[in-house]
């Protein structure tokens, strides 16, 4: 059962209108808007159409059941892939990231490990070193990044990470658009 009053209130607040401002635009009383929002009365069809128009929506959109979007992902939902040749493991920490603007991964680099060499592409990349130390190779130039430090670059040059140390390294690495 849809909570119509709650939905009207959310739309009103989303439009940054007070009950009084909404009532004035519709030539209704503030009390009537309050009753609607608290489901104490139901609007006529004519009032509902006018109300939704003022709130920037229509009946179809208002009554469509929104898919509940997943915002929290648990470890068991992550997808992991190990690359023994390059001595790394990637964890995709947001399932179906391709439908989003960003793609975050965690890459674990064993001593002597490296990521795949990424050819230049459109977009930007950001990383945060969670453990150990890595070297970012960006257009053949090397940058050392230690635990607690970050990197950020335009991805329009060849780029990859290496772990030249004898310690395990772990990096949160985010690409936009999704590339991993």
Protein backbone atom coordinates (compact mmCIF):
# COMPACT_ATOMS: atom_id res chain seq x y z
CA UNK A 1 0.00 0.00 0.00
CA UNK A 2 1.46 3.33 -1.06
CA UNK A 3 1.70 6.11 1.51
CA UNK A 4 0.38 8.98 -0.63
CA UNK A 5 0.68 11.62 2.08
CA UNK A 6 4.32 10.74 2.75
CA UNK A 7 5.08 10.90 -0.98
CA UNK A 8 3.39 14.32 -1.33
CA UNK A 9 5.38 15.64 1.67
CA UNK A 10 8.66 14.32 0.19
CA UNK A 11 7.91 16.01 -3.15
CA UNK A 12 6.99 19.28 -1.42
CA UNK A 13 10.20 19.25 0.62
CA UNK A 14 12.17 18.31 -2.50
CA UNK A 15 10.76 21.45 -4.12
CA UNK A 16 11.69 23.47 -1.00
CA UNK A 17 8.13 24.60 -0.42
CA UNK A 18 6.37 25.09 2.90
CA UNK A 19 2.84 23.73 3.31
CA UNK A 20 1.62 27.32 3.14
CA UNK A 21 3.49 28.07 -0.12
CA UNK A 22 2.11 24.90 -1.73
CA UNK A 23 -1.41 25.70 -0.51
CA UNK A 24 -1.21 29.27 -1.89
CA UNK A 25 -0.14 28.05 -5.34
CA UNK A 26 -3.12 25.71 -5.46
CA UNK A 27 -5.62 28.07 -3.78
CA UNK A 28 -6.03 25.56 -0.96
CA UNK A 29 -5.54 25.93 2.79
CA UNK A 30 -2.39 25.02 4.71
CA UNK A 31 -4.60 22.79 6.92
CA UNK A 32 -5.79 20.84 3.87
CA UNK A 33 -2.18 20.24 2.72
CA UNK A 34 -1.34 19.07 6.26
CA UNK A 35 -4.32 16.68 6.22
CA UNK A 36 -3.22 15.30 2.82
CA UNK A 37 0.34 14.75 4.03
CA UNK A 38 -0.91 12.96 7.14
CA UNK A 39 -3.34 10.81 5.12
CA UNK A 40 -6.31 12.27 6.97
CA UNK A 41 -8.05 13.13 3.68
CA UNK A 42 -7.74 12.16 0.02
CA UNK A 43 -7.56 14.69 -2.81
CA UNK A 44 -10.05 14.75 -5.67
CA UNK A 45 -8.58 13.73 -9.03
CA UNK A 46 -8.58 17.38 -10.12
CA UNK A 47 -6.71 18.46 -6.96
CA UNK A 48 -4.23 15.61 -7.29
CA UNK A 49 -3.43 16.52 -10.92
CA UNK A 50 -2.94 20.18 -9.98
CA UNK A 51 -0.86 19.25 -6.94
CA UNK A 52 1.45 16.97 -8.94
CA UNK A 53 1.85 19.59 -11.67
CA UNK A 54 2.96 22.20 -9.11
CA UNK A 55 5.36 19.62 -7.62
CA UNK A 56 6.90 18.91 -11.04
CA UNK A 57 5.65 15.39 -11.62
CA UNK A 58 2.67 13.55 -13.08
CA UNK A 59 0.30 10.78 -12.04
CA UNK A 60 2.24 8.05 -13.86
CA UNK A 61 5.54 8.97 -12.20
CA UNK A 62 3.88 9.57 -8.82
CA UNK A 63 2.25 6.14 -8.70
CA UNK A 64 5.08 4.15 -10.29
CA UNK A 65 6.68 1.83 -7.78
CA UNK A 66 10.30 2.83 -7.48
CA UNK A 67 12.81 0.02 -7.43
CA UNK A 68 14.56 0.04 -4.10
CA UNK A 69 18.13 0.87 -5.00
CA UNK A 70 20.82 -1.10 -3.22
CA UNK A 71 23.20 1.25 -1.44
CA UNK A 72 25.07 -1.15 0.84
CA UNK A 73 27.10 -4.08 -0.47
CA UNK A 74 28.41 -6.86 1.75
CA UNK A 75 31.70 -8.72 1.37
CA UNK A 76 29.94 -11.86 0.11
CA UNK A 77 28.56 -9.83 -2.83
CA UNK A 78 32.03 -8.75 -3.99
CA UNK A 79 33.45 -10.40 -7.06
CA UNK A 80 37.12 -11.41 -6.80
CA UNK A 81 39.55 -12.40 -9.51
CA UNK A 82 43.10 -13.53 -8.94
CA UNK A 83 45.88 -13.08 -11.50
CA UNK A 84 48.77 -15.40 -10.57
CA UNK A 85 51.00 -14.19 -13.41
CA UNK A 86 50.85 -10.54 -12.30
CA UNK A 87 50.58 -11.55 -8.61
CA UNK A 88 47.49 -9.54 -7.78
CA UNK A 89 43.86 -10.01 -6.79
CA UNK A 90 41.08 -7.57 -7.67
CA UNK A 91 37.89 -7.28 -5.63
CA UNK A 92 35.00 -5.52 -7.35
CA UNK A 93 33.40 -4.01 -4.26
CA UNK A 94 30.26 -2.62 -5.95
CA UNK A 95 28.42 -5.28 -7.99
CA UNK A 96 27.16 -4.08 -11.41
CA UNK A 97 29.30 -0.95 -11.25
CA UNK A 98 28.99 -0.63 -15.03
CA UNK A 99 25.61 1.03 -14.56
CA UNK A 100 27.21 3.71 -12.36
CA UNK A 101 29.56 6.61 -13.08
CA UNK A 102 32.39 5.22 -10.96
CA UNK A 103 33.91 1.78 -10.50
CA UNK A 104 35.68 1.15 -7.21
CA UNK A 105 37.89 -1.88 -6.73
CA UNK A 106 40.38 -3.05 -4.15
CA UNK A 107 43.58 -4.42 -5.62
CA UNK A 108 45.86 -6.56 -3.50
CA UNK A 109 49.42 -6.65 -4.85
CA UNK A 110 51.82 -9.33 -3.65
CA UNK A 111 55.52 -8.37 -3.40
CA UNK A 112 56.69 -7.95 -7.00
CA UNK A 113 53.09 -7.82 -8.25
CA UNK A 114 51.55 -5.34 -10.65
CA UNK A 115 48.22 -4.38 -12.17
CA UNK A 116 47.44 -4.85 -15.83
CA UNK A 117 49.01 -2.09 -17.95
CA UNK A 118 46.11 0.16 -18.85
CA UNK A 119 46.17 1.93 -22.20
CA UNK A 120 45.16 5.60 -22.32
CA UNK A 121 41.39 6.09 -22.08
CA UNK A 122 38.90 8.84 -21.29
CA UNK A 123 38.16 9.43 -17.64
CA UNK A 124 39.86 9.88 -14.31
CA UNK A 125 41.24 7.57 -11.65
CA UNK A 126 41.73 7.92 -7.93
CA UNK A 127 43.47 5.64 -5.46
CA UNK A 128 44.06 5.39 -1.73
CA UNK A 129 46.79 3.11 -0.39
CA UNK A 130 45.27 1.07 2.45
CA UNK A 131 48.35 -1.06 3.18
CA UNK A 132 51.98 -1.10 2.14
CA UNK A 133 53.44 1.01 -0.61
CA UNK A 134 52.95 1.03 -4.39
CA UNK A 135 54.50 2.75 -7.37
CA UNK A 136 52.15 4.36 -9.87
CA UNK A 137 53.66 4.29 -13.35
CA UNK A 138 51.99 7.08 -15.32
CA UNK A 139 53.28 7.67 -18.84
CA UNK A 140 56.55 5.92 -17.86
CA UNK A 141 57.05 8.31 -14.88
CA UNK A 142 57.12 6.61 -11.47
CA UNK A 143 55.35 7.94 -8.38
CA UNK A 144 55.75 6.28 -4.97
CA UNK A 145 52.58 6.24 -2.87
CA UNK A 146 52.67 5.06 0.74
CA UNK A 147 49.96 3.85 3.12
CA UNK A 148 47.50 6.67 3.83
CA UNK A 149 48.44 8.60 0.68
CA UNK A 150 46.32 9.06 -2.44
CA UNK A 151 46.77 9.46 -6.18
CA UNK A 152 44.56 11.11 -8.79
CA UNK A 153 45.12 11.50 -12.52
CA UNK A 154 43.49 11.81 -15.91
CA UNK A 155 43.60 8.36 -17.50
CA UNK A 156 44.68 9.67 -20.91
CA UNK A 157 48.21 8.23 -20.56
CA UNK A 158 49.38 4.63 -20.07
CA UNK A 159 49.12 3.74 -16.37
CA UNK A 160 49.51 0.86 -13.93
CA UNK A 161 50.52 0.05 -10.36
CA UNK A 162 53.48 -2.03 -9.24
CA UNK A 163 54.57 -3.28 -5.85
CA UNK A 164 58.38 -3.31 -5.93
CA UNK A 165 58.60 -3.91 -2.16
CA UNK A 166 58.76 -7.17 -0.22
CA UNK A 167 55.52 -6.28 1.64
CA UNK A 168 51.90 -6.92 0.64
CA UNK A 169 50.12 -3.77 -0.69
CA UNK A 170 46.39 -3.00 -0.84
CA UNK A 171 44.82 -0.10 -2.73
CA UNK A 172 41.29 1.25 -3.07
CA UNK A 173 41.23 2.28 -6.74
CA UNK A 174 38.33 4.11 -8.38
CA UNK A 175 37.87 4.65 -12.10
CA UNK A 176 35.37 6.88 -13.84
CA UNK A 177 33.96 5.75 -16.19
CA UNK A 178 34.10 2.06 -15.18
CA UNK A 179 37.20 0.43 -16.70
CA UNK A 180 38.39 -2.48 -14.54
